[in-house]
PDB file of all heavy atoms in Angstrom:
ATOM      1  N   GLY A   1      72.582 -24.382  -6.113  1.00  0.00           N
ATOM      2  CA  GLY A   1      72.371 -23.142  -5.380  1.00  0.00           C
ATOM      3  C   GLY A   1      71.651 -22.096  -6.217  1.00  0.00           C
ATOM      4  O   GLY A   1      70.774 -21.382  -5.723  1.00  0.00           O
ATOM      5  N   MET A   2      72.022 -21.999  -7.479  1.00  0.00           N
ATOM      6  CA  MET A   2      71.356 -21.041  -8.365  1.00  0.00           C
ATOM      7  C   MET A   2      69.922 -21.480  -8.640  1.00  0.00           C
ATOM      8  O   MET A   2      69.011 -20.652  -8.653  1.00  0.00           O
ATOM      9  CB  MET A   2      72.145 -20.878  -9.662  1.00  0.00           C
ATOM     10  CG  MET A   2      73.512 -20.257  -9.476  1.00  0.00           C
ATOM     11  SD  MET A   2      73.494 -18.581  -8.824  1.00  0.00           S
ATOM     12  CE  MET A   2      73.234 -17.660 -10.329  1.00  0.00           C
ATOM     13  N   LEU A   3      69.718 -22.767  -8.840  1.00  0.00           N
ATOM     14  CA  LEU A   3      68.372 -23.287  -9.094  1.00  0.00           C
ATOM     15  C   LEU A   3      67.452 -22.985  -7.916  1.00  0.00           C
ATOM     16  O   LEU A   3      66.297 -22.607  -8.114  1.00  0.00           O
ATOM     17  CB  LEU A   3      68.439 -24.790  -9.369  1.00  0.00           C
ATOM     18  CG  LEU A   3      67.161 -25.482  -9.805  1.00  0.00           C
ATOM     19  CD1 LEU A   3      66.642 -24.892 -11.114  1.00  0.00           C
ATOM     20  CD2 LEU A   3      67.397 -26.975  -9.959  1.00  0.00           C
ATOM     21  N   GLU A   4      67.962 -23.120  -6.712  1.00  0.00           N
ATOM     22  CA  GLU A   4      67.175 -22.807  -5.512  1.00  0.00           C
ATOM     23  C   GLU A   4      66.777 -21.336  -5.456  1.00  0.00           C
ATOM     24  O   GLU A   4      65.835 -20.968  -4.759  1.00  0.00           O
ATOM     25  CB  GLU A   4      67.965 -23.187  -4.258  1.00  0.00           C
ATOM     26  CG  GLU A   4      68.107 -24.682  -4.075  1.00  0.00           C
ATOM     27  CD  GLU A   4      69.101 -25.074  -3.002  1.00  0.00           C
ATOM     28  OE1 GLU A   4      69.665 -24.163  -2.330  1.00  0.00           O
ATOM     29  OE2 GLU A   4      69.338 -26.284  -2.835  1.00  0.00           O
ATOM     30  N   ARG A   5      67.485 -20.505  -6.202  1.00  0.00           N
ATOM     31  CA  ARG A   5      67.183 -19.076  -6.266  1.00  0.00           C
ATOM     32  C   ARG A   5      66.477 -18.714  -7.574  1.00  0.00           C
ATOM     33  O   ARG A   5      66.436 -17.550  -7.960  1.00  0.00           O
ATOM     34  CB  ARG A   5      68.479 -18.283  -6.104  1.00  0.00           C
ATOM     35  CG  ARG A   5      69.051 -18.410  -4.695  1.00  0.00           C
ATOM     36  CD  ARG A   5      70.523 -18.076  -4.648  1.00  0.00           C
ATOM     37  NE  ARG A   5      71.052 -18.171  -3.300  1.00  0.00           N
ATOM     38  CZ  ARG A   5      71.431 -19.297  -2.707  1.00  0.00           C
ATOM     39  NH1 ARG A   5      71.335 -20.449  -3.334  1.00  0.00           N
ATOM     40  NH2 ARG A   5      71.901 -19.296  -1.482  1.00  0.00           N
ATOM     41  N   ASP A   6      65.958 -19.732  -8.252  1.00  0.00           N
ATOM     42  CA  ASP A   6      65.228 -19.565  -9.519  1.00  0.00           C
ATOM     43  C   ASP A   6      66.068 -18.952 -10.627  1.00  0.00           C
ATOM     44  O   ASP A   6      65.566 -18.206 -11.468  1.00  0.00           O
ATOM     45  CB  ASP A   6      63.949 -18.739  -9.317  1.00  0.00           C
ATOM     46  CG  ASP A   6      62.949 -19.443  -8.426  1.00  0.00           C
ATOM     47  OD1 ASP A   6      62.865 -20.682  -8.511  1.00  0.00           O
ATOM     48  OD2 ASP A   6      62.256 -18.760  -7.651  1.00  0.00           O
ATOM     49  N   ILE A   7      67.356 -19.268 -10.624  1.00  0.00           N
ATOM     50  CA  ILE A   7      68.258 -18.820 -11.687  1.00  0.00           C
ATOM     51  C   ILE A   7      68.861 -20.069 -12.311  1.00  0.00           C
ATOM     52  O   ILE A   7      69.454 -20.894 -11.617  1.00  0.00           O
ATOM     53  CB  ILE A   7      69.367 -17.901 -11.142  1.00  0.00           C
ATOM     54  CG1 ILE A   7      68.747 -16.657 -10.502  1.00  0.00           C
ATOM     55  CG2 ILE A   7      70.340 -17.522 -12.250  1.00  0.00           C
ATOM     56  CD1 ILE A   7      69.726 -15.776  -9.777  1.00  0.00           C
ATOM     57  N   LEU A   8      68.703 -20.196 -13.604  1.00  0.00           N
ATOM     58  CA  LEU A   8      69.170 -21.392 -14.292  1.00  0.00           C
ATOM     59  C   LEU A   8      70.523 -21.142 -14.945  1.00  0.00           C
ATOM     60  O   LEU A   8      70.699 -20.192 -15.709  1.00  0.00           O
ATOM     61  CB  LEU A   8      68.151 -21.818 -15.350  1.00  0.00           C
ATOM     62  CG  LEU A   8      68.363 -23.171 -16.000  1.00  0.00           C
ATOM     63  CD1 LEU A   8      68.350 -24.278 -14.958  1.00  0.00           C
ATOM     64  CD2 LEU A   8      67.280 -23.419 -17.030  1.00  0.00           C
ATOM     65  N   ILE A   9      71.490 -21.972 -14.595  1.00  0.00           N
ATOM     66  CA  ILE A   9      72.796 -21.978 -15.243  1.00  0.00           C
ATOM     67  C   ILE A   9      73.018 -23.379 -15.784  1.00  0.00           C
ATOM     68  O   ILE A   9      72.208 -24.273 -15.552  1.00  0.00           O
ATOM     69  CB  ILE A   9      73.934 -21.557 -14.290  1.00  0.00           C
ATOM     70  CG1 ILE A   9      74.126 -22.596 -13.185  1.00  0.00           C
ATOM     71  CG2 ILE A   9      73.676 -20.168 -13.727  1.00  0.00           C
ATOM     72  CD1 ILE A   9      75.385 -22.388 -12.371  1.00  0.00           C
ATOM     73  N   ARG A  10      74.112 -23.584 -16.472  1.00  0.00           N
ATOM     74  CA  ARG A  10      74.393 -24.903 -17.033  1.00  0.00           C
ATOM     75  C   ARG A  10      75.644 -25.492 -16.399  1.00  0.00           C
ATOM     76  O   ARG A  10      76.696 -24.857 -16.386  1.00  0.00           O
ATOM     77  CB  ARG A  10      74.588 -24.774 -18.546  1.00  0.00           C
ATOM     78  CG  ARG A  10      74.816 -26.122 -19.219  1.00  0.00           C
ATOM     79  CD  ARG A  10      74.899 -25.970 -20.697  1.00  0.00           C
ATOM     80  NE  ARG A  10      73.576 -25.555 -21.169  1.00  0.00           N
ATOM     81  CZ  ARG A  10      73.259 -25.382 -22.437  1.00  0.00           C
ATOM     82  NH1 ARG A  10      74.166 -25.581 -23.374  1.00  0.00           N
ATOM     83  NH2 ARG A  10      72.060 -25.011 -22.784  1.00  0.00           N
ATOM     84  N   ASP A  11      75.509 -26.685 -15.882  1.00  0.00           N
ATOM     85  CA  ASP A  11      76.651 -27.442 -15.369  1.00  0.00           C
ATOM     86  C   ASP A  11      77.276 -28.140 -16.572  1.00  0.00           C
ATOM     87  O   ASP A  11      76.697 -29.056 -17.131  1.00  0.00           O
ATOM     88  CB  ASP A  11      76.177 -28.458 -14.329  1.00  0.00           C
ATOM     89  CG  ASP A  11      77.279 -29.380 -13.827  1.00  0.00           C
ATOM     90  OD1 ASP A  11      78.434 -29.253 -14.276  1.00  0.00           O
ATOM     91  OD2 ASP A  11      76.969 -30.232 -12.988  1.00  0.00           O
ATOM     92  N   VAL A  12      78.436 -27.676 -16.991  1.00  0.00           N
ATOM     93  CA  VAL A  12      79.094 -28.259 -18.165  1.00  0.00           C
ATOM     94  C   VAL A  12      80.258 -29.162 -17.755  1.00  0.00           C
ATOM     95  O   VAL A  12      81.115 -29.490 -18.573  1.00  0.00           O
ATOM     96  CB  VAL A  12      79.576 -27.166 -19.148  1.00  0.00           C
ATOM     97  CG1 VAL A  12      78.403 -26.437 -19.769  1.00  0.00           C
ATOM     98  CG2 VAL A  12      80.531 -26.201 -18.482  1.00  0.00           C
ATOM     99  N   SER A  13      80.274 -29.567 -16.509  1.00  0.00           N
ATOM    100  CA  SER A  13      81.401 -30.337 -15.986  1.00  0.00           C
ATOM    101  C   SER A  13      81.560 -31.717 -16.618  1.00  0.00           C
ATOM    102  O   SER A  13      82.607 -32.332 -16.464  1.00  0.00           O
ATOM    103  CB  SER A  13      81.300 -30.467 -14.467  1.00  0.00           C
ATOM    104  OG  SER A  13      80.132 -31.157 -14.084  1.00  0.00           O
ATOM    105  N   LYS A  14      80.556 -32.182 -17.325  1.00  0.00           N
ATOM    106  CA  LYS A  14      80.678 -33.491 -17.989  1.00  0.00           C
ATOM    107  C   LYS A  14      81.214 -33.364 -19.410  1.00  0.00           C
ATOM    108  O   LYS A  14      81.488 -34.367 -20.058  1.00  0.00           O
ATOM    109  CB  LYS A  14      79.334 -34.199 -17.997  1.00  0.00           C
ATOM    110  CG  LYS A  14      78.919 -34.597 -16.596  1.00  0.00           C
ATOM    111  CD  LYS A  14      77.687 -35.422 -16.556  1.00  0.00           C
ATOM    112  CE  LYS A  14      77.409 -35.751 -15.095  1.00  0.00           C
ATOM    113  NZ  LYS A  14      76.154 -36.361 -14.861  1.00  0.00           N
ATOM    114  N   TYR A  15      81.389 -32.142 -19.885  1.00  0.00           N
ATOM    115  CA  TYR A  15      81.947 -31.929 -21.220  1.00  0.00           C
ATOM    116  C   TYR A  15      83.456 -32.139 -21.155  1.00  0.00           C
ATOM    117  O   TYR A  15      84.086 -31.833 -20.135  1.00  0.00           O
ATOM    118  CB  TYR A  15      81.661 -30.521 -21.715  1.00  0.00           C
ATOM    119  CG  TYR A  15      80.209 -30.194 -21.960  1.00  0.00           C
ATOM    120  CD1 TYR A  15      79.173 -31.061 -21.633  1.00  0.00           C
ATOM    121  CD2 TYR A  15      79.854 -28.989 -22.519  1.00  0.00           C
ATOM    122  CE1 TYR A  15      77.851 -30.744 -21.861  1.00  0.00           C
ATOM    123  CE2 TYR A  15      78.525 -28.655 -22.757  1.00  0.00           C
ATOM    124  CZ  TYR A  15      77.545 -29.539 -22.425  1.00  0.00           C
ATOM    125  OH  TYR A  15      76.233 -29.214 -22.662  1.00  0.00           O
ATOM    126  N   PRO A  16      84.068 -32.620 -22.232  1.00  0.00           N
ATOM    127  CA  PRO A  16      85.525 -32.794 -22.236  1.00  0.00           C
ATOM    128  C   PRO A  16      86.243 -31.473 -21.897  1.00  0.00           C
ATOM    129  O   PRO A  16      85.873 -30.420 -22.397  1.00  0.00           O
ATOM    130  CB  PRO A  16      85.826 -33.227 -23.669  1.00  0.00           C
ATOM    131  CG  PRO A  16      84.553 -33.824 -24.159  1.00  0.00           C
ATOM    132  CD  PRO A  16      83.461 -33.048 -23.486  1.00  0.00           C
ATOM    133  N   MET A  17      87.213 -31.544 -21.033  1.00  0.00           N
ATOM    134  CA  MET A  17      88.078 -30.445 -20.620  1.00  0.00           C
ATOM    135  C   MET A  17      87.371 -29.358 -19.795  1.00  0.00           C
ATOM    136  O   MET A  17      87.934 -28.303 -19.553  1.00  0.00           O
ATOM    137  CB  MET A  17      88.780 -29.807 -21.830  1.00  0.00           C
ATOM    138  CG  MET A  17      89.630 -30.796 -22.591  1.00  0.00           C
ATOM    139  SD  MET A  17      90.666 -30.200 -23.948  1.00  0.00           S
ATOM    140  CE  MET A  17      89.934 -28.713 -24.499  1.00  0.00           C
ATOM    141  N   LEU A  18      86.132 -29.580 -19.373  1.00  0.00           N
ATOM    142  CA  LEU A  18      85.412 -28.575 -18.588  1.00  0.00           C
ATOM    143  C   LEU A  18      84.970 -29.129 -17.230  1.00  0.00           C
ATOM    144  O   LEU A  18      83.970 -28.687 -16.668  1.00  0.00           O
ATOM    145  CB  LEU A  18      84.196 -28.061 -19.371  1.00  0.00           C
ATOM    146  CG  LEU A  18      84.498 -27.323 -20.670  1.00  0.00           C
ATOM    147  CD1 LEU A  18      83.207 -26.970 -21.388  1.00  0.00           C
ATOM    148  CD2 LEU A  18      85.333 -26.084 -20.412  1.00  0.00           C
ATOM    149  N   ALA A  19      85.707 -30.059 -16.695  1.00  0.00           N
ATOM    150  CA  ALA A  19      85.307 -30.775 -15.477  1.00  0.00           C
ATOM    151  C   ALA A  19      85.026 -29.856 -14.290  1.00  0.00           C
ATOM    152  O   ALA A  19      84.229 -30.201 -13.423  1.00  0.00           O
ATOM    153  CB  ALA A  19      86.367 -31.799 -15.100  1.00  0.00           C
ATOM    154  N   GLU A  20      85.639 -28.706 -14.237  1.00  0.00           N
ATOM    155  CA  GLU A  20      85.477 -27.818 -13.086  1.00  0.00           C
ATOM    156  C   GLU A  20      84.573 -26.617 -13.370  1.00  0.00           C
ATOM    157  O   GLU A  20      84.463 -25.724 -12.539  1.00  0.00           O
ATOM    158  CB  GLU A  20      86.850 -27.291 -12.653  1.00  0.00           C
ATOM    159  CG  GLU A  20      87.812 -28.391 -12.263  1.00  0.00           C
ATOM    160  CD  GLU A  20      89.205 -27.848 -11.987  1.00  0.00           C
ATOM    161  OE1 GLU A  20      89.469 -26.659 -12.272  1.00  0.00           O
ATOM    162  OE2 GLU A  20      90.033 -28.615 -11.487  1.00  0.00           O
ATOM    163  N   TYR A  21      83.910 -26.591 -14.515  1.00  0.00           N
ATOM    164  CA  TYR A  21      83.249 -25.369 -14.973  1.00  0.00           C
ATOM    165  C   TYR A  21      81.726 -25.433 -14.998  1.00  0.00           C
ATOM    166  O   TYR A  21      81.128 -26.493 -15.102  1.00  0.00           O
ATOM    167  CB  TYR A  21      83.733 -25.019 -16.385  1.00  0.00           C
ATOM    168  CG  TYR A  21      85.167 -24.567 -16.397  1.00  0.00           C
ATOM    169  CD1 TYR A  21      86.200 -25.493 -16.485  1.00  0.00           C
ATOM    170  CD2 TYR A  21      85.488 -23.218 -16.301  1.00  0.00           C
ATOM    171  CE1 TYR A  21      87.525 -25.073 -16.486  1.00  0.00           C
ATOM    172  CE2 TYR A  21      86.803 -22.795 -16.298  1.00  0.00           C
ATOM    173  CZ  TYR A  21      87.812 -23.727 -16.392  1.00  0.00           C
ATOM    174  OH  TYR A  21      89.116 -23.317 -16.377  1.00  0.00           O
ATOM    175  N   PHE A  22      81.137 -24.241 -14.941  1.00  0.00           N
ATOM    176  CA  PHE A  22      79.713 -24.042 -15.202  1.00  0.00           C
ATOM    177  C   PHE A  22      79.603 -22.880 -16.185  1.00  0.00           C
ATOM    178  O   PHE A  22      80.543 -22.117 -16.374  1.00  0.00           O
ATOM    179  CB  PHE A  22      78.931 -23.768 -13.911  1.00  0.00           C
ATOM    180  CG  PHE A  22      79.388 -22.559 -13.149  1.00  0.00           C
ATOM    181  CD1 PHE A  22      78.831 -21.321 -13.390  1.00  0.00           C
ATOM    182  CD2 PHE A  22      80.366 -22.666 -12.177  1.00  0.00           C
ATOM    183  CE1 PHE A  22      79.252 -20.199 -12.689  1.00  0.00           C
ATOM    184  CE2 PHE A  22      80.785 -21.563 -11.469  1.00  0.00           C
ATOM    185  CZ  PHE A  22      80.226 -20.319 -11.733  1.00  0.00           C
ATOM    186  N   ARG A  23      78.450 -22.764 -16.812  1.00  0.00           N
ATOM    187  CA  ARG A  23      78.234 -21.744 -17.833  1.00  0.00           C
ATOM    188  C   ARG A  23      76.968 -20.962 -17.481  1.00  0.00           C
ATOM    189  O   ARG A  23      76.000 -21.529 -16.994  1.00  0.00           O
ATOM    190  CB  ARG A  23      78.055 -22.424 -19.191  1.00  0.00           C
ATOM    191  CG  ARG A  23      77.674 -21.485 -20.296  1.00  0.00           C
ATOM    192  CD  ARG A  23      77.330 -22.244 -21.544  1.00  0.00           C
ATOM    193  NE  ARG A  23      76.424 -21.422 -22.331  1.00  0.00           N
ATOM    194  CZ  ARG A  23      76.171 -21.592 -23.594  1.00  0.00           C
ATOM    195  NH1 ARG A  23      76.722 -22.593 -24.254  1.00  0.00           N
ATOM    196  NH2 ARG A  23      75.350 -20.802 -24.223  1.00  0.00           N
ATOM    197  N   PHE A  24      76.977 -19.689 -17.744  1.00  0.00           N
ATOM    198  CA  PHE A  24      75.779 -18.882 -17.546  1.00  0.00           C
ATOM    199  C   PHE A  24      75.693 -17.804 -18.616  1.00  0.00           C
ATOM    200  O   PHE A  24      76.702 -17.356 -19.139  1.00  0.00           O
ATOM    201  CB  PHE A  24      75.736 -18.263 -16.144  1.00  0.00           C
ATOM    202  CG  PHE A  24      76.867 -17.315 -15.850  1.00  0.00           C
ATOM    203  CD1 PHE A  24      76.693 -15.949 -15.965  1.00  0.00           C
ATOM    204  CD2 PHE A  24      78.098 -17.801 -15.436  1.00  0.00           C
ATOM    205  CE1 PHE A  24      77.729 -15.079 -15.694  1.00  0.00           C
ATOM    206  CE2 PHE A  24      79.138 -16.939 -15.151  1.00  0.00           C
ATOM    207  CZ  PHE A  24      78.951 -15.571 -15.287  1.00  0.00           C
ATOM    208  N   ASN A  25      74.475 -17.437 -18.938  1.00  0.00           N
ATOM    209  CA  ASN A  25      74.234 -16.431 -19.963  1.00  0.00           C
ATOM    210  C   ASN A  25      74.255 -15.041 -19.361  1.00  0.00           C
ATOM    211  O   ASN A  25      73.873 -14.836 -18.216  1.00  0.00           O
ATOM    212  CB  ASN A  25      72.876 -16.657 -20.633  1.00  0.00           C
ATOM    213  CG  ASN A  25      72.903 -17.846 -21.557  1.00  0.00           C
ATOM    214  OD1 ASN A  25      73.942 -18.454 -21.771  1.00  0.00           O
ATOM    215  ND2 ASN A  25      71.758 -18.182 -22.096  1.00  0.00           N
ATOM    216  N   ILE A  26      74.659 -14.092 -20.175  1.00  0.00           N
ATOM    217  CA  ILE A  26      74.598 -12.687 -19.805  1.00  0.00           C
ATOM    218  C   ILE A  26      73.201 -12.198 -20.168  1.00  0.00           C
ATOM    219  O   ILE A  26      72.693 -12.482 -21.251  1.00  0.00           O
ATOM    220  CB  ILE A  26      75.669 -11.871 -20.568  1.00  0.00           C
ATOM    221  CG1 ILE A  26      77.068 -12.402 -20.265  1.00  0.00           C
ATOM    222  CG2 ILE A  26      75.548 -10.389 -20.252  1.00  0.00           C
ATOM    223  CD1 ILE A  26      77.468 -12.332 -18.806  1.00  0.00           C
ATOM    224  N   GLY A  27      72.575 -11.488 -19.244  1.00  0.00           N
ATOM    225  CA  GLY A  27      71.217 -11.006 -19.481  1.00  0.00           C
ATOM    226  C   GLY A  27      71.143  -9.493 -19.415  1.00  0.00           C
ATOM    227  O   GLY A  27      72.112  -8.792 -19.711  1.00  0.00           O
ATOM    228  N   THR A  28      70.011  -9.011 -18.977  1.00  0.00           N
ATOM    229  CA  THR A  28      69.840  -7.579 -18.792  1.00  0.00           C
ATOM    230  C   THR A  28      70.651  -7.149 -17.573  1.00  0.00           C
ATOM    231  O   THR A  28      71.043  -7.991 -16.750  1.00  0.00           O
ATOM    232  CB  THR A  28      68.357  -7.243 -18.548  1.00  0.00           C
ATOM    233  OG1 THR A  28      67.954  -7.827 -17.299  1.00  0.00           O
ATOM    234  CG2 THR A  28      67.470  -7.745 -19.678  1.00  0.00           C
ATOM    235  N   PRO A  29      70.893  -5.864 -17.413  1.00  0.00           N
ATOM    236  CA  PRO A  29      71.612  -5.431 -16.209  1.00  0.00           C
ATOM    237  C   PRO A  29      70.953  -5.901 -14.911  1.00  0.00           C
ATOM    238  O   PRO A  29      71.653  -6.331 -13.988  1.00  0.00           O
ATOM    239  CB  PRO A  29      71.606  -3.902 -16.336  1.00  0.00           C
ATOM    240  CG  PRO A  29      71.622  -3.668 -17.815  1.00  0.00           C
ATOM    241  CD  PRO A  29      70.712  -4.751 -18.365  1.00  0.00           C
ATOM    242  N   ALA A  30      69.634  -5.865 -14.846  1.00  0.00           N
ATOM    243  CA  ALA A  30      68.938  -6.328 -13.637  1.00  0.00           C
ATOM    244  C   ALA A  30      69.130  -7.826 -13.431  1.00  0.00           C
ATOM    245  O   ALA A  30      69.341  -8.288 -12.302  1.00  0.00           O
ATOM    246  CB  ALA A  30      67.453  -5.993 -13.713  1.00  0.00           C
ATOM    247  N   GLU A  31      69.064  -8.601 -14.505  1.00  0.00           N
ATOM    248  CA  GLU A  31      69.283 -10.050 -14.394  1.00  0.00           C
ATOM    249  C   GLU A  31      70.711 -10.349 -13.980  1.00  0.00           C
ATOM    250  O   GLU A  31      70.953 -11.229 -13.147  1.00  0.00           O
ATOM    251  CB  GLU A  31      68.965 -10.729 -15.727  1.00  0.00           C
ATOM    252  CG  GLU A  31      67.501 -10.721 -16.084  1.00  0.00           C
ATOM    253  CD  GLU A  31      67.232 -11.142 -17.517  1.00  0.00           C
ATOM    254  OE1 GLU A  31      68.126 -11.014 -18.388  1.00  0.00           O
ATOM    255  OE2 GLU A  31      66.101 -11.590 -17.782  1.00  0.00           O
ATOM    256  N   ASN A  32      71.658  -9.615 -14.543  1.00  0.00           N
ATOM    257  CA  ASN A  32      73.063  -9.816 -14.177  1.00  0.00           C
ATOM    258  C   ASN A  32      73.304  -9.480 -12.710  1.00  0.00           C
ATOM    259  O   ASN A  32      74.020 -10.204 -12.017  1.00  0.00           O
ATOM    260  CB  ASN A  32      73.972  -8.967 -15.066  1.00  0.00           C
ATOM    261  CG  ASN A  32      73.963  -9.407 -16.507  1.00  0.00           C
ATOM    262  OD1 ASN A  32      73.589 -10.528 -16.829  1.00  0.00           O
ATOM    263  ND2 ASN A  32      74.353  -8.509 -17.388  1.00  0.00           N
ATOM    264  N   ASP A  33      72.699  -8.392 -12.234  1.00  0.00           N
ATOM    265  CA  ASP A  33      72.846  -8.022 -10.827  1.00  0.00           C
ATOM    266  C   ASP A  33      72.285  -9.103  -9.910  1.00  0.00           C
ATOM    267  O   ASP A  33      72.900  -9.459  -8.899  1.00  0.00           O
ATOM    268  CB  ASP A  33      72.150  -6.690 -10.544  1.00  0.00           C
ATOM    269  CG  ASP A  33      72.868  -5.501 -11.162  1.00  0.00           C
ATOM    270  OD1 ASP A  33      74.046  -5.649 -11.560  1.00  0.00           O
ATOM    271  OD2 ASP A  33      72.235  -4.431 -11.249  1.00  0.00           O
ATOM    272  N   ALA A  34      71.123  -9.641 -10.265  1.00  0.00           N
ATOM    273  CA  ALA A  34      70.505 -10.706  -9.457  1.00  0.00           C
ATOM    274  C   ALA A  34      71.380 -11.956  -9.459  1.00  0.00           C
ATOM    275  O   ALA A  34      71.580 -12.588  -8.415  1.00  0.00           O
ATOM    276  CB  ALA A  34      69.106 -11.024  -9.975  1.00  0.00           C
ATOM    277  N   ALA A  35      71.909 -12.310 -10.628  1.00  0.00           N
ATOM    278  CA  ALA A  35      72.767 -13.495 -10.723  1.00  0.00           C
ATOM    279  C   ALA A  35      74.050 -13.298  -9.919  1.00  0.00           C
ATOM    280  O   ALA A  35      74.481 -14.194  -9.192  1.00  0.00           O
ATOM    281  CB  ALA A  35      73.092 -13.811 -12.188  1.00  0.00           C
ATOM    282  N   LEU A  36      74.661 -12.125 -10.040  1.00  0.00           N
ATOM    283  CA  LEU A  36      75.895 -11.876  -9.294  1.00  0.00           C
ATOM    284  C   LEU A  36      75.655 -11.919  -7.788  1.00  0.00           C
ATOM    285  O   LEU A  36      76.474 -12.479  -7.046  1.00  0.00           O
ATOM    286  CB  LEU A  36      76.490 -10.529  -9.708  1.00  0.00           C
ATOM    287  CG  LEU A  36      77.116 -10.517 -11.109  1.00  0.00           C
ATOM    288  CD1 LEU A  36      77.411  -9.085 -11.544  1.00  0.00           C
ATOM    289  CD2 LEU A  36      78.368 -11.365 -11.155  1.00  0.00           C
TER     290      LEU A  36
END
């Protein structure tokens, strides 16, 4: 869903103990607003 909106996050669900998680970076306030 994020990729379809040109926002790249990381699916870390294949890492040990992170099966349900994704990761995303904190950016500028404008980038954070767009991501949220």
